[in-house]
Each structure stands twice: as C-alpha cells, then as structure tokens.
All heavy atoms as atom14 arrays in JSON, in Angstrom:
{
  "sequence": "FSVLMLDLDSFKAINDRLGHLAGDRFLVRVGEVIKETMRAADTPCRY",
  "atom14_mask": [
    [1, 1, 1, 1, 1, 1, 1, 1, 1, 1, 1, 0, 0, 0],
    [1, 1, 1, 1, 1, 1, 0, 0, 0, 0, 0, 0, 0, 0],
    [1, 1, 1, 1, 1, 1, 1, 0, 0, 0, 0, 0, 0, 0],
    [1, 1, 1, 1, 1, 1, 1, 1, 0, 0, 0, 0, 0, 0],
    [1, 1, 1, 1, 1, 1, 1, 1, 0, 0, 0, 0, 0, 0],
    [1, 1, 1, 1, 1, 1, 1, 1, 0, 0, 0, 0, 0, 0],
    [1, 1, 1, 1, 1, 1, 1, 1, 0, 0, 0, 0, 0, 0],
    [1, 1, 1, 1, 1, 1, 1, 1, 0, 0, 0, 0, 0, 0],
    [1, 1, 1, 1, 1, 1, 1, 1, 0, 0, 0, 0, 0, 0],
    [1, 1, 1, 1, 1, 1, 0, 0, 0, 0, 0, 0, 0, 0],
    [1, 1, 1, 1, 1, 1, 1, 1, 1, 1, 1, 0, 0, 0],
    [1, 1, 1, 1, 1, 1, 1, 1, 1, 0, 0, 0, 0, 0],
    [1, 1, 1, 1, 1, 0, 0, 0, 0, 0, 0, 0, 0, 0],
    [1, 1, 1, 1, 1, 1, 1, 1, 0, 0, 0, 0, 0, 0],
    [1, 1, 1, 1, 1, 1, 1, 1, 0, 0, 0, 0, 0, 0],
    [1, 1, 1, 1, 1, 1, 1, 1, 0, 0, 0, 0, 0, 0],
    [1, 1, 1, 1, 1, 1, 1, 1, 1, 1, 1, 0, 0, 0],
    [1, 1, 1, 1, 1, 1, 1, 1, 0, 0, 0, 0, 0, 0],
    [1, 1, 1, 1, 0, 0, 0, 0, 0, 0, 0, 0, 0, 0],
    [1, 1, 1, 1, 1, 1, 1, 1, 1, 1, 0, 0, 0, 0],
    [1, 1, 1, 1, 1, 1, 1, 1, 0, 0, 0, 0, 0, 0],
    [1, 1, 1, 1, 1, 0, 0, 0, 0, 0, 0, 0, 0, 0],
    [1, 1, 1, 1, 0, 0, 0, 0, 0, 0, 0, 0, 0, 0],
    [1, 1, 1, 1, 1, 1, 1, 1, 0, 0, 0, 0, 0, 0],
    [1, 1, 1, 1, 1, 1, 1, 1, 1, 1, 1, 0, 0, 0],
    [1, 1, 1, 1, 1, 1, 1, 1, 1, 1, 1, 0, 0, 0],
    [1, 1, 1, 1, 1, 1, 1, 1, 0, 0, 0, 0, 0, 0],
    [1, 1, 1, 1, 1, 1, 1, 0, 0, 0, 0, 0, 0, 0],
    [1, 1, 1, 1, 1, 1, 1, 1, 1, 1, 1, 0, 0, 0],
    [1, 1, 1, 1, 1, 1, 1, 0, 0, 0, 0, 0, 0, 0],
    [1, 1, 1, 1, 0, 0, 0, 0, 0, 0, 0, 0, 0, 0],
    [1, 1, 1, 1, 1, 1, 1, 1, 1, 0, 0, 0, 0, 0],
    [1, 1, 1, 1, 1, 1, 1, 0, 0, 0, 0, 0, 0, 0],
    [1, 1, 1, 1, 1, 1, 1, 1, 0, 0, 0, 0, 0, 0],
    [1, 1, 1, 1, 1, 1, 1, 1, 1, 0, 0, 0, 0, 0],
    [1, 1, 1, 1, 1, 1, 1, 1, 1, 0, 0, 0, 0, 0],
    [1, 1, 1, 1, 1, 1, 1, 0, 0, 0, 0, 0, 0, 0],
    [1, 1, 1, 1, 1, 1, 1, 1, 0, 0, 0, 0, 0, 0],
    [1, 1, 1, 1, 1, 1, 1, 1, 1, 1, 1, 0, 0, 0],
    [1, 1, 1, 1, 1, 0, 0, 0, 0, 0, 0, 0, 0, 0],
    [1, 1, 1, 1, 1, 0, 0, 0, 0, 0, 0, 0, 0, 0],
    [1, 1, 1, 1, 1, 1, 1, 1, 0, 0, 0, 0, 0, 0],
    [1, 1, 1, 1, 1, 1, 1, 0, 0, 0, 0, 0, 0, 0],
    [1, 1, 1, 1, 1, 1, 1, 0, 0, 0, 0, 0, 0, 0],
    [1, 1, 1, 1, 1, 1, 0, 0, 0, 0, 0, 0, 0, 0],
    [1, 1, 1, 1, 1, 1, 1, 1, 1, 1, 1, 0, 0, 0],
    [1, 1, 1, 1, 1, 1, 1, 1, 1, 1, 1, 1, 0, 0]
  ],
  "atom14_positions": [
    [[-19.28, -10.46, -7.28], [-18.26, -9.97, -6.35], [-17.4, -8.96, -7.1], [-17.41, -8.89, -8.33], [-17.41, -11.11, -5.79], [-16.54, -11.79, -6.8], [-15.2, -11.41, -6.94], [-17.04, -12.81, -7.61], [-14.4, -12.05, -7.87], [-16.23, -13.44, -8.54], [-14.91, -13.05, -8.67], [0.0, 0.0, 0.0], [0.0, 0.0, 0.0], [0.0, 0.0, 0.0]],
    [[-16.65, -8.18, -6.35], [-15.85, -7.1, -6.94], [-14.39, -7.29, -6.63], [-14.03, -7.81, -5.56], [-16.31, -5.74, -6.4], [-17.69, -5.53, -6.68], [0.0, 0.0, 0.0], [0.0, 0.0, 0.0], [0.0, 0.0, 0.0], [0.0, 0.0, 0.0], [0.0, 0.0, 0.0], [0.0, 0.0, 0.0], [0.0, 0.0, 0.0], [0.0, 0.0, 0.0]],
    [[-13.54, -6.87, -7.55], [-12.1, -6.87, -7.36], [-11.6, -5.45, -7.59], [-11.89, -4.85, -8.65], [-11.39, -7.85, -8.32], [-9.89, -7.79, -8.12], [-11.91, -9.26, -8.11], [0.0, 0.0, 0.0], [0.0, 0.0, 0.0], [0.0, 0.0, 0.0], [0.0, 0.0, 0.0], [0.0, 0.0, 0.0], [0.0, 0.0, 0.0], [0.0, 0.0, 0.0]],
    [[-10.86, -4.93, -6.61], [-10.3, -3.57, -6.71], [-8.79, -3.69, -6.77], [-8.18, -4.33, -5.91], [-10.73, -2.73, -5.51], [-10.07, -1.35, -5.38], [-10.51, -0.44, -6.53], [-10.41, -0.71, -4.05], [0.0, 0.0, 0.0], [0.0, 0.0, 0.0], [0.0, 0.0, 0.0], [0.0, 0.0, 0.0], [0.0, 0.0, 0.0], [0.0, 0.0, 0.0]],
    [[-8.18, -3.08, -7.78], [-6.71, -3.11, -7.91], [-6.21, -1.66, -7.94], [-6.85, -0.78, -8.53], [-6.3, -3.85, -9.18], [-6.81, -5.29, -9.25], [-6.09, -6.25, -10.59], [-4.4, -6.37, -10.05], [0.0, 0.0, 0.0], [0.0, 0.0, 0.0], [0.0, 0.0, 0.0], [0.0, 0.0, 0.0], [0.0, 0.0, 0.0], [0.0, 0.0, 0.0]],
    [[-5.07, -1.44, -7.32], [-4.5, -0.09, -7.3], [-3.0, -0.18, -7.19], [-2.45, -1.2, -6.74], [-5.09, 0.72, -6.12], [-4.86, 0.2, -4.69], [-3.62, 0.84, -4.08], [-6.07, 0.48, -3.83], [0.0, 0.0, 0.0], [0.0, 0.0, 0.0], [0.0, 0.0, 0.0], [0.0, 0.0, 0.0], [0.0, 0.0, 0.0], [0.0, 0.0, 0.0]],
    [[-2.33, 0.9, -7.59], [-0.9, 1.0, -7.35], [-0.59, 2.42, -6.9], [-1.44, 3.32, -6.97], [-0.09, 0.62, -8.6], [-0.29, 1.6, -9.74], [-1.16, 2.49, -9.62], [0.42, 1.48, -10.73], [0.0, 0.0, 0.0], [0.0, 0.0, 0.0], [0.0, 0.0, 0.0], [0.0, 0.0, 0.0], [0.0, 0.0, 0.0], [0.0, 0.0, 0.0]],
    [[0.62, 2.61, -6.41], [1.03, 3.91, -5.87], [1.79, 4.67, -6.94], [2.83, 4.2, -7.43], [1.9, 3.71, -4.62], [1.27, 2.87, -3.49], [2.25, 2.75, -2.33], [-0.03, 3.49, -3.01], [0.0, 0.0, 0.0], [0.0, 0.0, 0.0], [0.0, 0.0, 0.0], [0.0, 0.0, 0.0], [0.0, 0.0, 0.0], [0.0, 0.0, 0.0]],
    [[1.31, 5.86, -7.27], [2.0, 6.7, -8.24], [3.27, 7.28, -7.62], [3.32, 7.63, -6.44], [1.1, 7.85, -8.71], [-0.09, 7.33, -9.51], [0.01, 6.19, -10.05], [-1.12, 8.02, -9.55], [0.0, 0.0, 0.0], [0.0, 0.0, 0.0], [0.0, 0.0, 0.0], [0.0, 0.0, 0.0], [0.0, 0.0, 0.0], [0.0, 0.0, 0.0]],
    [[4.29, 7.35, -8.44], [5.56, 8.02, -8.06], [6.22, 7.37, -6.85], [6.96, 8.02, -6.1], [5.33, 9.51, -7.78], [4.71, 10.15, -8.88], [0.0, 0.0, 0.0], [0.0, 0.0, 0.0], [0.0, 0.0, 0.0], [0.0, 0.0, 0.0], [0.0, 0.0, 0.0], [0.0, 0.0, 0.0], [0.0, 0.0, 0.0], [0.0, 0.0, 0.0]],
    [[5.96, 6.07, -6.63], [6.59, 5.42, -5.48], [8.09, 5.29, -5.66], [8.86, 5.37, -4.7], [5.95, 4.04, -5.27], [6.53, 3.29, -4.11], [6.25, 3.66, -2.8], [7.37, 2.19, -4.32], [6.8, 2.97, -1.72], [7.92, 1.51, -3.25], [7.62, 1.89, -1.94], [0.0, 0.0, 0.0], [0.0, 0.0, 0.0], [0.0, 0.0, 0.0]],
    [[8.52, 5.12, -6.91], [9.96, 5.0, -7.17], [10.67, 6.27, -6.75], [11.81, 6.22, -6.26], [10.18, 4.72, -8.66], [11.62, 4.48, -9.04], [11.74, 4.1, -10.51], [13.16, 3.79, -10.89], [14.09, 4.9, -10.65], [0.0, 0.0, 0.0], [0.0, 0.0, 0.0], [0.0, 0.0, 0.0], [0.0, 0.0, 0.0], [0.0, 0.0, 0.0]],
    [[10.02, 7.42, -6.91], [10.65, 8.68, -6.51], [10.89, 8.71, -5.0], [11.88, 9.28, -4.53], [9.78, 9.85, -6.95], [0.0, 0.0, 0.0], [0.0, 0.0, 0.0], [0.0, 0.0, 0.0], [0.0, 0.0, 0.0], [0.0, 0.0, 0.0], [0.0, 0.0, 0.0], [0.0, 0.0, 0.0], [0.0, 0.0, 0.0], [0.0, 0.0, 0.0]],
    [[9.99, 8.12, -4.24], [10.18, 8.08, -2.77], [11.41, 7.26, -2.44], [12.25, 7.65, -1.61], [8.93, 7.51, -2.09], [7.73, 8.42, -2.33], [9.16, 7.32, -0.6], [6.43, 7.88, -1.76], [0.0, 0.0, 0.0], [0.0, 0.0, 0.0], [0.0, 0.0, 0.0], [0.0, 0.0, 0.0], [0.0, 0.0, 0.0], [0.0, 0.0, 0.0]],
    [[11.54, 6.1, -3.07], [12.72, 5.27, -2.81], [14.0, 5.98, -3.24], [15.02, 5.92, -2.52], [12.59, 3.93, -3.56], [11.62, 2.99, -2.87], [11.4, 3.09, -1.67], [11.04, 2.07, -3.64], [0.0, 0.0, 0.0], [0.0, 0.0, 0.0], [0.0, 0.0, 0.0], [0.0, 0.0, 0.0], [0.0, 0.0, 0.0], [0.0, 0.0, 0.0]],
    [[13.96, 6.63, -4.41], [15.18, 7.27, -4.9], [15.57, 8.46, -4.03], [16.76, 8.7, -3.78], [14.97, 7.73, -6.35], [14.82, 6.54, -7.3], [15.21, 5.42, -6.88], [14.28, 6.72, -8.41], [0.0, 0.0, 0.0], [0.0, 0.0, 0.0], [0.0, 0.0, 0.0], [0.0, 0.0, 0.0], [0.0, 0.0, 0.0], [0.0, 0.0, 0.0]],
    [[14.57, 9.24, -3.58], [14.88, 10.46, -2.85], [15.12, 10.21, -1.35], [16.02, 10.79, -0.74], [13.75, 11.47, -3.04], [14.07, 12.85, -2.44], [13.05, 13.9, -2.83], [11.74, 13.62, -2.24], [10.7, 13.19, -2.91], [10.8, 12.98, -4.23], [9.53, 12.99, -2.32], [0.0, 0.0, 0.0], [0.0, 0.0, 0.0], [0.0, 0.0, 0.0]],
    [[14.31, 9.33, -0.71], [14.38, 9.14, 0.75], [15.0, 7.81, 1.16], [15.29, 7.61, 2.34], [12.97, 9.24, 1.34], [12.24, 10.57, 1.09], [10.83, 10.5, 1.68], [13.02, 11.74, 1.7], [0.0, 0.0, 0.0], [0.0, 0.0, 0.0], [0.0, 0.0, 0.0], [0.0, 0.0, 0.0], [0.0, 0.0, 0.0], [0.0, 0.0, 0.0]],
    [[15.16, 6.9, 0.2], [15.75, 5.61, 0.54], [14.7, 4.52, 0.7], [13.5, 4.79, 0.86], [0.0, 0.0, 0.0], [0.0, 0.0, 0.0], [0.0, 0.0, 0.0], [0.0, 0.0, 0.0], [0.0, 0.0, 0.0], [0.0, 0.0, 0.0], [0.0, 0.0, 0.0], [0.0, 0.0, 0.0], [0.0, 0.0, 0.0], [0.0, 0.0, 0.0]],
    [[15.16, 3.26, 0.62], [14.23, 2.13, 0.64], [13.58, 1.95, 2.02], [12.44, 1.46, 2.1], [14.95, 0.86, 0.22], [15.24, 0.81, -1.25], [14.3, 0.43, -2.19], [16.37, 1.12, -1.96], [14.83, 0.49, -3.41], [16.1, 0.91, -3.29], [0.0, 0.0, 0.0], [0.0, 0.0, 0.0], [0.0, 0.0, 0.0], [0.0, 0.0, 0.0]],
    [[14.26, 2.32, 3.11], [13.64, 2.19, 4.43], [12.43, 3.11, 4.55], [11.4, 2.72, 5.11], [14.66, 2.5, 5.54], [15.78, 1.47, 5.72], [16.73, 1.9, 6.82], [15.19, 0.1, 6.03], [0.0, 0.0, 0.0], [0.0, 0.0, 0.0], [0.0, 0.0, 0.0], [0.0, 0.0, 0.0], [0.0, 0.0, 0.0], [0.0, 0.0, 0.0]],
    [[12.56, 4.32, 4.01], [11.42, 5.23, 4.01], [10.3, 4.68, 3.14], [9.1, 4.77, 3.49], [11.85, 6.62, 3.52], [0.0, 0.0, 0.0], [0.0, 0.0, 0.0], [0.0, 0.0, 0.0], [0.0, 0.0, 0.0], [0.0, 0.0, 0.0], [0.0, 0.0, 0.0], [0.0, 0.0, 0.0], [0.0, 0.0, 0.0], [0.0, 0.0, 0.0]],
    [[10.68, 4.07, 2.0], [9.66, 3.46, 1.16], [8.95, 2.32, 1.86], [7.73, 2.16, 1.74], [0.0, 0.0, 0.0], [0.0, 0.0, 0.0], [0.0, 0.0, 0.0], [0.0, 0.0, 0.0], [0.0, 0.0, 0.0], [0.0, 0.0, 0.0], [0.0, 0.0, 0.0], [0.0, 0.0, 0.0], [0.0, 0.0, 0.0], [0.0, 0.0, 0.0]],
    [[9.71, 1.52, 2.65], [9.08, 0.43, 3.41], [8.1, 0.97, 4.44], [7.0, 0.42, 4.62], [10.14, -0.41, 4.1], [10.94, -1.26, 3.12], [10.49, -1.41, 1.97], [12.01, -1.78, 3.52], [0.0, 0.0, 0.0], [0.0, 0.0, 0.0], [0.0, 0.0, 0.0], [0.0, 0.0, 0.0], [0.0, 0.0, 0.0], [0.0, 0.0, 0.0]],
    [[8.49, 2.07, 5.13], [7.57, 2.65, 6.11], [6.3, 3.16, 5.43], [5.2, 3.06, 5.98], [8.26, 3.78, 6.87], [9.34, 3.31, 7.86], [9.72, 4.4, 8.82], [10.3, 5.55, 8.15], [11.61, 5.69, 7.9], [12.47, 4.73, 8.26], [12.08, 6.77, 7.3], [0.0, 0.0, 0.0], [0.0, 0.0, 0.0], [0.0, 0.0, 0.0]],
    [[6.47, 3.7, 4.23], [5.31, 4.19, 3.48], [4.38, 3.03, 3.12], [3.15, 3.12, 3.24], [5.79, 4.91, 2.22], [4.72, 5.66, 1.5], [4.31, 6.93, 1.93], [4.09, 5.1, 0.4], [3.3, 7.6, 1.26], [3.08, 5.78, -0.27], [2.69, 7.04, 0.16], [0.0, 0.0, 0.0], [0.0, 0.0, 0.0], [0.0, 0.0, 0.0]],
    [[4.96, 1.89, 2.69], [4.16, 0.71, 2.35], [3.44, 0.16, 3.58], [2.29, -0.3, 3.5], [5.03, -0.36, 1.73], [5.58, -0.06, 0.31], [6.55, -1.17, -0.11], [4.44, 0.05, -0.69], [0.0, 0.0, 0.0], [0.0, 0.0, 0.0], [0.0, 0.0, 0.0], [0.0, 0.0, 0.0], [0.0, 0.0, 0.0], [0.0, 0.0, 0.0]],
    [[4.14, 0.16, 4.74], [3.51, -0.3, 5.97], [2.28, 0.53, 6.3], [1.21, 0.01, 6.65], [4.52, -0.28, 7.14], [3.81, -0.52, 8.47], [5.6, -1.34, 6.95], [0.0, 0.0, 0.0], [0.0, 0.0, 0.0], [0.0, 0.0, 0.0], [0.0, 0.0, 0.0], [0.0, 0.0, 0.0], [0.0, 0.0, 0.0], [0.0, 0.0, 0.0]],
    [[2.43, 1.87, 6.15], [1.29, 2.75, 6.46], [0.14, 2.54, 5.47], [-1.03, 2.53, 5.87], [1.75, 4.21, 6.43], [0.66, 5.21, 6.76], [0.01, 4.89, 8.1], [-1.14, 5.74, 8.35], [-2.19, 5.38, 9.06], [-2.26, 4.16, 9.57], [-3.18, 6.21, 9.24], [0.0, 0.0, 0.0], [0.0, 0.0, 0.0], [0.0, 0.0, 0.0]],
    [[0.48, 2.3, 4.22], [-0.56, 2.02, 3.23], [-1.31, 0.74, 3.59], [-2.54, 0.66, 3.51], [0.05, 1.93, 1.81], [-0.98, 1.4, 0.81], [0.57, 3.29, 1.36], [0.0, 0.0, 0.0], [0.0, 0.0, 0.0], [0.0, 0.0, 0.0], [0.0, 0.0, 0.0], [0.0, 0.0, 0.0], [0.0, 0.0, 0.0], [0.0, 0.0, 0.0]],
    [[-0.55, -0.29, 4.0], [-1.18, -1.53, 4.41], [-2.12, -1.34, 5.59], [-3.21, -1.93, 5.65], [0.0, 0.0, 0.0], [0.0, 0.0, 0.0], [0.0, 0.0, 0.0], [0.0, 0.0, 0.0], [0.0, 0.0, 0.0], [0.0, 0.0, 0.0], [0.0, 0.0, 0.0], [0.0, 0.0, 0.0], [0.0, 0.0, 0.0], [0.0, 0.0, 0.0]],
    [[-1.71, -0.48, 6.56], [-2.58, -0.21, 7.71], [-3.87, 0.48, 7.28], [-4.96, 0.15, 7.76], [-1.83, 0.64, 8.73], [-0.66, -0.09, 9.4], [0.16, 0.83, 10.28], [-0.11, 2.07, 10.24], [1.04, 0.34, 11.01], [0.0, 0.0, 0.0], [0.0, 0.0, 0.0], [0.0, 0.0, 0.0], [0.0, 0.0, 0.0], [0.0, 0.0, 0.0]],
    [[-3.74, 1.44, 6.36], [-4.93, 2.16, 5.89], [-5.88, 1.2, 5.17], [-7.1, 1.25, 5.35], [-4.52, 3.33, 4.97], [-5.76, 3.94, 4.3], [-3.76, 4.37, 5.76], [0.0, 0.0, 0.0], [0.0, 0.0, 0.0], [0.0, 0.0, 0.0], [0.0, 0.0, 0.0], [0.0, 0.0, 0.0], [0.0, 0.0, 0.0], [0.0, 0.0, 0.0]],
    [[-5.32, 0.32, 4.35], [-6.16, -0.64, 3.62], [-6.9, -1.56, 4.6], [-8.11, -1.8, 4.46], [-5.31, -1.45, 2.63], [-4.83, -0.55, 1.49], [-6.1, -2.64, 2.07], [-3.9, -1.24, 0.51], [0.0, 0.0, 0.0], [0.0, 0.0, 0.0], [0.0, 0.0, 0.0], [0.0, 0.0, 0.0], [0.0, 0.0, 0.0], [0.0, 0.0, 0.0]],
    [[-6.18, -2.08, 5.63], [-6.82, -2.97, 6.6], [-7.89, -2.24, 7.41], [-8.92, -2.82, 7.75], [-5.77, -3.57, 7.54], [-4.92, -4.64, 6.87], [-4.1, -5.42, 7.87], [-3.05, -4.54, 8.54], [-2.19, -5.32, 9.45], [0.0, 0.0, 0.0], [0.0, 0.0, 0.0], [0.0, 0.0, 0.0], [0.0, 0.0, 0.0], [0.0, 0.0, 0.0]],
    [[-7.64, -0.97, 7.72], [-8.64, -0.2, 8.46], [-9.89, 0.04, 7.63], [-10.99, 0.17, 8.16], [-8.04, 1.13, 8.9], [-6.94, 0.99, 9.96], [-6.21, 2.3, 10.19], [-6.56, 3.29, 9.51], [-5.3, 2.33, 11.04], [0.0, 0.0, 0.0], [0.0, 0.0, 0.0], [0.0, 0.0, 0.0], [0.0, 0.0, 0.0], [0.0, 0.0, 0.0]],
    [[-9.72, 0.11, 6.3], [-10.84, 0.41, 5.41], [-11.65, -0.83, 5.08], [-12.85, -0.76, 4.83], [-10.32, 1.04, 4.1], [-9.48, 2.14, 4.42], [-11.46, 1.52, 3.22], [0.0, 0.0, 0.0], [0.0, 0.0, 0.0], [0.0, 0.0, 0.0], [0.0, 0.0, 0.0], [0.0, 0.0, 0.0], [0.0, 0.0, 0.0], [0.0, 0.0, 0.0]],
    [[-11.0, -2.0, 5.08], [-11.66, -3.23, 4.64], [-12.72, -3.69, 5.63], [-12.63, -3.44, 6.84], [-10.62, -4.35, 4.47], [-9.59, -4.13, 3.36], [-10.3, -4.15, 1.7], [-10.47, -2.38, 1.41], [0.0, 0.0, 0.0], [0.0, 0.0, 0.0], [0.0, 0.0, 0.0], [0.0, 0.0, 0.0], [0.0, 0.0, 0.0], [0.0, 0.0, 0.0]],
    [[-13.71, -4.42, 5.12], [-14.69, -5.09, 5.95], [-14.15, -6.48, 6.33], [-13.14, -6.93, 5.81], [-16.01, -5.24, 5.18], [-16.63, -3.91, 4.75], [-17.73, -4.14, 3.74], [-17.23, -4.85, 2.56], [-18.0, -5.21, 1.55], [-19.3, -4.94, 1.58], [-17.49, -5.83, 0.51], [0.0, 0.0, 0.0], [0.0, 0.0, 0.0], [0.0, 0.0, 0.0]],
    [[-14.85, -7.16, 7.25], [-14.38, -8.46, 7.73], [-14.32, -9.49, 6.61], [-13.45, -10.37, 6.6], [-15.28, -8.96, 8.85], [0.0, 0.0, 0.0], [0.0, 0.0, 0.0], [0.0, 0.0, 0.0], [0.0, 0.0, 0.0], [0.0, 0.0, 0.0], [0.0, 0.0, 0.0], [0.0, 0.0, 0.0], [0.0, 0.0, 0.0], [0.0, 0.0, 0.0]],
    [[-15.22, -9.39, 5.63], [-15.28, -10.39, 4.55], [-14.33, -10.09, 3.41], [-14.17, -10.91, 2.5], [-16.7, -10.49, 4.02], [0.0, 0.0, 0.0], [0.0, 0.0, 0.0], [0.0, 0.0, 0.0], [0.0, 0.0, 0.0], [0.0, 0.0, 0.0], [0.0, 0.0, 0.0], [0.0, 0.0, 0.0], [0.0, 0.0, 0.0], [0.0, 0.0, 0.0]],
    [[-13.69, -8.92, 3.42], [-12.79, -8.54, 2.33], [-11.43, -9.19, 2.5], [-11.02, -9.54, 3.6], [-12.64, -7.02, 2.28], [-13.96, -6.34, 1.92], [-14.78, -6.99, 1.24], [-14.17, -5.18, 2.33], [0.0, 0.0, 0.0], [0.0, 0.0, 0.0], [0.0, 0.0, 0.0], [0.0, 0.0, 0.0], [0.0, 0.0, 0.0], [0.0, 0.0, 0.0]],
    [[-10.71, -9.33, 1.39], [-9.4, -9.97, 1.4], [-8.38, -9.0, 0.81], [-8.25, -8.91, -0.43], [-9.41, -11.28, 0.59], [-10.45, -12.13, 1.09], [-8.07, -11.99, 0.68], [0.0, 0.0, 0.0], [0.0, 0.0, 0.0], [0.0, 0.0, 0.0], [0.0, 0.0, 0.0], [0.0, 0.0, 0.0], [0.0, 0.0, 0.0], [0.0, 0.0, 0.0]],
    [[-7.65, -8.25, 1.62], [-6.65, -7.33, 1.1], [-5.34, -8.05, 0.79], [-4.93, -8.95, 1.53], [-6.47, -6.32, 2.23], [-6.78, -7.11, 3.46], [-7.81, -8.13, 3.08], [0.0, 0.0, 0.0], [0.0, 0.0, 0.0], [0.0, 0.0, 0.0], [0.0, 0.0, 0.0], [0.0, 0.0, 0.0], [0.0, 0.0, 0.0], [0.0, 0.0, 0.0]],
    [[-4.68, -7.64, -0.32], [-3.5, -8.36, -0.77], [-2.45, -7.36, -1.28], [-2.79, -6.35, -1.9], [-3.89, -9.34, -1.88], [-2.54, -9.94, -2.89], [0.0, 0.0, 0.0], [0.0, 0.0, 0.0], [0.0, 0.0, 0.0], [0.0, 0.0, 0.0], [0.0, 0.0, 0.0], [0.0, 0.0, 0.0], [0.0, 0.0, 0.0], [0.0, 0.0, 0.0]],
    [[-1.2, -7.67, -1.01], [-0.11, -6.95, -1.68], [0.25, -7.77, -2.91], [0.84, -8.84, -2.82], [1.09, -6.81, -0.75], [2.21, -5.98, -1.37], [3.43, -5.96, -0.51], [4.5, -5.16, -1.14], [5.75, -5.1, -0.7], [6.11, -5.79, 0.38], [6.65, -4.36, -1.34], [0.0, 0.0, 0.0], [0.0, 0.0, 0.0], [0.0, 0.0, 0.0]],
    [[-0.11, -7.22, -4.06], [0.03, -7.97, -5.3], [1.48, -8.04, -5.75], [1.91, -9.0, -6.4], [-0.84, -7.32, -6.4], [-1.17, -8.26, -7.54], [-2.13, -9.25, -7.38], [-0.51, -8.16, -8.76], [-2.43, -10.11, -8.41], [-0.81, -9.04, -9.81], [-1.78, -10.0, -9.63], [-2.07, -10.87, -10.64], [0.0, 0.0, 0.0], [0.0, 0.0, 0.0]]
  ]
}
C-alpha cells in the first residue's frame, strides 16, 4: 500500500497577508480537491 504526504508551501504568508479566515477558506478548498481526487478506498487526512 502507499502513503502520500504533502504540505502547503507559503501557507503562513496567506494567513499573514489575508488573515486566518482566508486561510481557512483556502484549507477548505484544498480539502475539497483532495476528496474529489481520492478513490473510494483511499483515506484522506488532515495531519
């Protein structure tokens, strides 16, 4: 089986420049993209 790990580059800059609410919206959209990409048997996680 495979494990894929990733993080978002320069995410702190988004929070500093646009605020934490904008950062939350960005995380929500990332979560949607990950769920859309995953197969039924995959387990996506916010680490």
